[in-house]
Structures are given as structure tokens and as C-alpha cells.
Protein backbone atom coordinates (compact mmCIF):
# COMPACT_ATOMS: atom_id res chain seq x y z
CA MET A 1 1.68 32.30 39.82
CA GLY A 2 2.75 30.90 36.53
CA GLY A 3 2.73 31.12 32.63
CA PHE A 4 0.91 33.51 30.85
CA HIS A 5 -2.45 32.61 28.70
CA HIS A 6 -1.45 33.07 25.20
CA ALA A 7 -4.43 34.86 23.57
CA ARG A 8 -4.47 35.83 19.94
CA ARG A 9 -1.62 38.14 19.15
CA ARG A 10 -2.23 41.69 19.39
CA ILE A 11 -0.27 44.63 19.10
CA SER A 12 1.81 45.40 22.35
CA VAL A 13 3.43 48.35 23.68
CA LYS A 14 6.45 48.96 26.04
CA ILE A 15 5.96 51.91 28.23
CA ALA A 16 8.10 52.83 31.59
CA VAL A 17 6.59 55.16 33.97
CA THR A 18 8.46 57.35 36.25
CA GLY A 19 8.82 60.58 38.15
CA LYS A 20 9.53 61.83 41.71
CA GLY A 21 8.29 59.83 44.62
CA GLY A 22 4.83 60.49 45.87
CA VAL A 23 3.51 62.14 42.27
CA GLY A 24 1.21 59.16 41.58
CA LYS A 25 3.31 57.09 39.14
CA SER A 26 2.24 53.60 40.43
CA THR A 27 -1.42 54.86 40.34
CA ILE A 28 -0.90 56.01 36.75
CA ALA A 29 1.17 52.59 35.67
CA ALA A 30 -1.60 50.54 37.42
CA ALA A 31 -4.43 52.27 35.62
CA ILE A 32 -2.49 51.90 32.22
CA ALA A 33 -2.06 48.22 32.78
CA LEU A 34 -5.46 47.46 34.11
CA MET A 35 -7.57 49.52 31.25
CA LEU A 36 -5.13 47.31 28.65
CA ALA A 37 -5.93 44.12 30.77
CA GLU A 38 -9.53 45.17 30.32
CA ARG A 39 -9.52 45.33 26.56
CA GLY A 40 -8.31 41.50 26.39
CA GLU A 41 -4.56 42.85 25.90
CA ARG A 42 -1.68 40.31 27.72
CA VAL A 43 -0.16 42.61 29.99
CA LEU A 44 3.03 42.16 32.08
CA ALA A 45 3.54 45.02 34.87
CA VAL A 46 6.85 45.18 36.59
CA ASP A 47 7.41 47.12 39.81
CA ALA A 48 11.01 48.39 39.47
CA ASP A 49 10.75 50.82 42.17
CA PRO A 50 12.54 50.08 45.57
CA ASP A 51 9.57 51.61 47.45
CA ALA A 52 7.11 49.09 45.50
CA ASN A 53 3.34 50.12 45.53
CA LEU A 54 2.33 48.59 42.33
CA ALA A 55 0.59 45.72 43.85
CA SER A 56 -1.32 47.63 46.11
CA ALA A 57 -2.52 50.01 43.13
CA LEU A 58 -3.74 47.23 41.22
CA GLY A 59 -5.78 45.86 44.30
CA ILE A 60 -3.83 42.70 45.34
CA PRO A 61 -5.04 42.26 48.72
CA ALA A 62 -2.73 42.56 51.35
CA ALA A 63 -2.73 39.11 52.59
CA GLU A 64 -1.87 38.09 48.90
CA GLN A 65 0.93 40.39 48.36
CA ALA A 66 2.77 38.56 51.16
CA GLY A 67 3.23 35.53 48.56
CA ILE A 68 4.59 37.61 45.64
CA VAL A 69 8.08 36.92 45.11
CA THR A 70 10.93 39.88 45.07
CA ILE A 71 13.31 38.91 42.43
CA ALA A 72 16.04 41.03 44.15
CA ARG A 73 15.58 38.96 47.49
CA HIS A 74 15.62 35.60 45.80
CA ARG A 75 18.94 34.80 47.12
CA ALA A 76 18.74 31.07 45.68
CA LEU A 77 17.63 32.05 42.26
CA ILE A 78 20.56 35.13 41.87
CA GLU A 79 23.10 32.52 42.96
CA GLU A 80 21.58 29.76 40.49
CA ARG A 81 21.55 32.30 37.56
CA THR A 82 24.74 34.26 38.30
CA GLY A 83 26.85 31.71 39.73
CA ALA A 84 27.54 33.87 42.63
CA SER A 85 26.60 34.41 46.33
CA PRO A 86 24.65 37.87 46.54
CA GLY A 87 26.76 40.26 48.40
CA TYR A 88 30.03 39.29 47.55
CA GLY A 89 32.41 40.43 44.56
CA GLN A 90 33.59 37.43 43.11
CA MET A 91 33.28 36.16 39.87
CA PHE A 92 29.70 35.70 38.13
CA LYS A 93 28.05 35.46 34.54
CA LEU A 94 27.44 38.91 32.96
CA ASN A 95 24.58 37.16 30.70
CA PRO A 96 22.53 35.17 33.27
CA GLU A 97 19.61 33.07 31.77
CA VAL A 98 16.49 35.12 32.87
CA SER A 99 14.16 34.29 29.97
CA ASP A 100 11.63 32.19 32.04
CA ILE A 101 11.76 34.34 35.12
CA ALA A 102 8.62 36.41 34.16
CA ASP A 103 6.39 33.15 33.66
CA THR A 104 7.82 31.63 36.73
CA TYR A 105 7.37 34.36 39.09
CA ALA A 106 4.75 36.73 37.80
CA TYR A 107 1.37 37.34 40.04
CA ARG A 108 -1.55 37.55 37.92
CA HIS A 109 -4.55 39.51 39.32
CA ARG A 110 -7.32 41.37 36.99
CA GLY A 111 -6.12 39.89 33.94
CA VAL A 112 -2.39 41.77 34.83
CA ALA A 113 0.84 39.65 35.48
CA LEU A 114 2.85 41.65 38.06
CA LEU A 115 6.50 41.12 38.34
CA VAL A 116 8.42 42.84 41.57
CA LEU A 117 11.91 43.45 41.10
CA GLY A 118 12.94 45.25 44.77
CA ALA A 119 15.88 46.98 45.78
CA VAL A 120 19.39 45.63 45.65
CA GLU A 121 20.67 45.46 49.23
CA ARG A 122 24.19 46.19 49.85
CA GLY A 123 26.20 44.60 52.30
CA GLY A 124 29.25 45.78 54.22
CA SER A 125 31.48 45.26 51.56
CA GLY A 126 29.08 47.72 49.32
CA CYS A 127 28.82 45.40 46.38
CA ALA A 128 25.87 43.88 44.82
CA CYS A 129 26.97 43.19 41.58
CA ALA A 130 25.41 39.73 41.02
CA GLU A 131 22.00 41.16 41.69
CA SER A 132 22.26 44.26 39.54
CA THR A 133 23.35 42.23 36.64
CA LEU A 134 20.56 39.69 37.16
CA LEU A 135 17.93 42.78 37.40
CA ARG A 136 19.43 44.47 34.43
CA ALA A 137 19.72 41.51 32.14
CA LEU A 138 16.08 40.53 33.30
CA ILE A 139 14.66 44.27 32.28
CA GLN A 140 16.19 43.90 29.01
CA ASP A 141 14.71 40.40 28.23
CA LEU A 142 11.09 41.67 29.45
CA VAL A 143 11.57 44.94 26.90
CA LEU A 144 13.53 43.59 23.92
CA ARG A 145 12.06 39.71 23.90
CA ARG A 146 8.84 39.57 25.23
CA GLY A 147 5.69 39.71 23.26
CA GLU A 148 2.87 41.11 25.54
CA SER A 149 2.21 44.86 26.64
CA LEU A 150 4.86 46.26 29.42
CA ILE A 151 4.52 48.63 31.76
CA LEU A 152 7.77 49.36 33.89
CA ASP A 153 6.93 51.30 37.28
CA MET A 154 10.33 52.69 38.05
CA GLU A 155 11.83 54.93 40.66
CA ALA A 156 12.88 58.63 40.37
CA GLY A 157 14.82 58.33 37.09
CA ILE A 158 15.88 55.45 34.38
CA GLU A 159 18.82 54.11 35.94
CA HIS A 160 17.39 50.54 35.16
CA LEU A 161 17.62 51.14 31.32
CA GLY A 162 20.63 51.21 29.61
CA ARG A 163 21.14 52.14 25.78
CA SER A 164 20.57 49.06 24.77
CA THR A 165 17.28 48.51 26.38
CA ALA A 166 16.02 52.10 25.72
CA SER A 167 15.55 51.41 22.30
CA GLY A 168 12.67 49.07 22.84
CA VAL A 169 10.87 51.34 25.16
CA ASP A 170 7.83 52.82 23.05
CA ALA A 171 7.21 55.63 25.11
CA LEU A 172 8.81 56.91 28.56
CA VAL A 173 5.73 58.60 30.80
CA VAL A 174 7.14 61.43 33.54
CA VAL A 175 4.43 62.24 35.84
CA ALA A 176 4.72 65.54 37.42
CA GLU A 177 2.35 67.25 40.28
CA PRO A 178 2.00 70.92 40.64
CA GLY A 179 5.14 71.68 42.64
CA LEU A 180 8.99 72.52 41.70
CA ARG A 181 10.50 69.61 43.23
CA ALA A 182 8.28 67.66 40.76
CA VAL A 183 9.15 69.69 37.85
CA GLU A 184 12.81 69.78 38.55
CA SER A 185 12.87 65.95 38.78
CA LEU A 186 10.73 65.63 35.31
CA ASN A 187 13.56 68.00 33.91
CA ARG A 188 16.48 65.69 35.02
CA ILE A 189 14.72 62.46 33.78
CA VAL A 190 14.03 64.04 30.33
CA ARG A 191 17.56 65.26 30.01
CA MET A 192 18.66 61.41 31.07
CA ALA A 193 16.27 59.79 28.44
CA GLY A 194 17.82 61.90 25.77
CA ASP A 195 21.41 60.90 26.86
CA ILE A 196 20.37 57.01 26.22
CA GLY A 197 18.37 57.40 23.31
CA ILE A 198 14.60 57.28 24.33
CA LYS A 199 12.65 59.22 21.66
CA ARG A 200 9.13 59.43 22.91
CA VAL A 201 9.05 61.14 26.22
CA HIS A 202 5.56 62.23 27.52
CA ALA A 203 4.72 64.30 30.64
CA VAL A 204 1.40 63.74 32.71
CA PHE A 205 0.58 66.53 34.93
CA ASN A 206 -1.43 64.73 37.82
CA LYS A 207 -2.92 65.41 41.16
CA VAL A 208 -4.27 68.84 39.18
CA ARG A 209 -6.96 70.80 41.44
CA ALA A 210 -7.33 74.05 39.82
CA GLU A 211 -6.45 75.65 36.05
CA ALA A 212 -3.85 77.54 38.27
CA ASP A 213 -2.01 74.13 38.77
CA THR A 214 -2.21 73.37 34.97
CA ALA A 215 -0.91 77.03 34.19
CA PHE A 216 1.84 76.48 36.72
CA LEU A 217 3.00 73.00 35.27
CA ARG A 218 2.70 74.71 31.70
CA ASN A 219 4.90 77.69 32.51
CA ALA A 220 7.34 75.67 34.24
CA LEU A 221 7.65 73.22 31.24
CA PRO A 222 7.55 75.47 28.45
CA GLY A 223 7.40 73.35 25.14
CA MET A 224 6.22 70.08 26.71
CA GLU A 225 2.41 69.42 26.02
CA PRO A 226 1.03 67.00 28.68
CA ALA A 227 0.02 63.93 27.10
CA SER A 228 -3.05 64.07 29.93
CA VAL A 229 -4.01 66.33 32.67
CA ILE A 230 -5.11 63.88 35.41
CA PRO A 231 -7.39 65.72 38.00
CA PHE A 232 -6.68 65.07 41.74
CA SER A 233 -9.34 62.63 43.09
CA GLU A 234 -10.82 62.07 46.62
CA LEU A 235 -12.09 58.45 44.68
CA LEU A 236 -8.46 57.45 43.93
CA LEU A 237 -7.48 58.43 47.82
CA ALA A 238 -10.19 56.21 48.96
CA ALA A 239 -9.13 53.54 46.43
CA ASP A 240 -5.37 54.20 48.07
CA ARG A 241 -6.94 54.04 51.72
CA GLU A 242 -8.75 50.67 50.64
CA GLY A 243 -6.05 48.77 48.75
CA ALA A 244 -8.79 48.74 45.96
CA PRO A 245 -7.68 48.35 42.04
CA VAL A 246 -7.26 52.25 40.83
CA THR A 247 -10.07 51.71 38.09
CA GLY A 248 -12.54 50.69 40.45
CA ALA A 249 -12.44 54.43 41.62
CA PHE A 250 -12.72 56.21 37.99
CA ASP A 251 -15.54 58.45 37.27
CA ALA A 252 -16.17 59.20 33.62
CA VAL A 253 -13.90 62.44 34.04
CA LEU A 254 -11.08 60.24 35.20
CA ARG A 255 -11.53 57.48 32.89
CA GLU A 256 -11.56 59.77 29.82
CA ALA A 257 -8.46 61.10 30.98
CA PHE A 258 -6.42 58.03 31.21
CA ARG A 259 -8.18 56.83 27.91
CA ALA A 260 -6.60 59.86 26.26
CA LEU A 261 -3.24 59.15 27.92
CA ILE A 262 -3.41 55.57 26.44
CA GLU A 263 -4.29 57.01 23.16
CA ARG A 264 -1.49 59.90 23.18
CA ILE A 265 1.10 57.46 24.04
CA GLY A 266 0.48 55.36 20.92
CA HIS A 267 -2.05 52.69 21.85
CA PRO A 268 -5.76 53.64 21.04
CA ALA A 269 -8.13 52.68 23.86
């Protein structure tokens, strides 16, 4: 834990990764983060999915994951920064100070700094306004004001991104596997992205086993050329079972597929 090492300045990118649960978006977010870090980039990976899996995909051992602070559960921090006790609807600051949170609470592993946001838990009153305000302010700060490359692993949607924050996102990567529900989720997310002004939206076809899978996705998503087609891989499944970093499971085909993805979304690798 602790601050980032300030290497010579490089071109940074801000990428949000989303898609239906189970399509492999955390694997893809982790792969992008690790590959950028391998090149010497300063990388901040943010797990903004309540079902947090990014730490495992980065290869952080389970014993170490227990020591990673989840921001939404850090009641003392929420109370200090917002002036409100979590779970209650009284007055609180709408613009809490958040600029030091990433430096203080990020967990470094294999050249990637990981920040886990966690889920906002609502009490009996149904109000979790202070937690939500803090997380939204934090994401806005990370996207608009930080200098390192940012990889956001998001839940099945872009609710964390407001219209003002969207202007700082260089690319939204929406992951789909061969299946109708994944396609429906992708289309819904693409519509939402348009509504808040995200201009660069890229589809990734993941877990493709055969040409028929690619054909299904192309037919279901006319006019949306995939940024990359990622083949189904037993190697990635094994890495997931073992808690190993996803890039350690890459063969030449997988590495090239992810290299092409990074290049397509605007950061030559």
C-alpha cells in the first residue's frame, strides 16, 4: 500500500470496462492493466463492481486480498470526508475531499495499483447517500484529475459514470460472450453511453470457441465491429482456479488478441 512511484511522464488512457456479469470483463480489465504495467506505464486499476473479482484476476493471493481496504465499507473514512454517519439521511458534504484516497488505499501488485470501491450497502432506511456521494466524487477525481492510466472494472452498466465524468473516459469497452443475454446487455449499455456522451465505445467478443460464435455476435450486433475477438481458453480457466495473474496464462494467440485490443482502443502496445 502507499503512494505511487512517479516515473517519467507517459501518455495515459482512461478506460472503463463493462458487460453482463460472467462475460469475463474482470479478466479483460486485468489483462489490459497488467500489459500496460509490463510496458512501464503507471496504472491504477479500480474495481467498481460490487461482485469484486479484479484482485484475483490480477493474481493477488487470497491471503493478501484480505488486507485490501474496500472504500464503501470504510465507515470512518466516509464519516470523516462527508461529515455524515453512513446509512443515515442527515446533512453531509456534496463535494468531499477525495484526492488522496487512491494514494493512501491502493494496493500495489505486479506494477498495478488496485483500488477496490465495493458495494454501497443500504440500511433499513434505504438511504446510503453519503457513501454514494463519496464514491461518485472519487470516480470523478480518478477519471478527470489523475495522471496515470486508469482501468475501471464496472458492473453491468455505467451508473458510476455521470455526464461530467464521461468526458474524461477515453474508451468504453463492452464485453459480450456468444449469447442473447450478453448481447441485450451490450446494447443497453451502448444506449446509456450515448445518453451521457461517451463517444468511443468498443465491443469485445469474448469466450469465442468457433466461427459460429463470431458469426452469431456479428449478426446480433450489426454495424459494431469488435475491437478484438478473444478465444475461449482453458488456460485462462486454469489461471482463475489457481488465482494466478491472467497474463501468466497467455499463449501467443491470447497475447496477440489483447495487444490488438489495446491498440484499437487507442494505446499502441
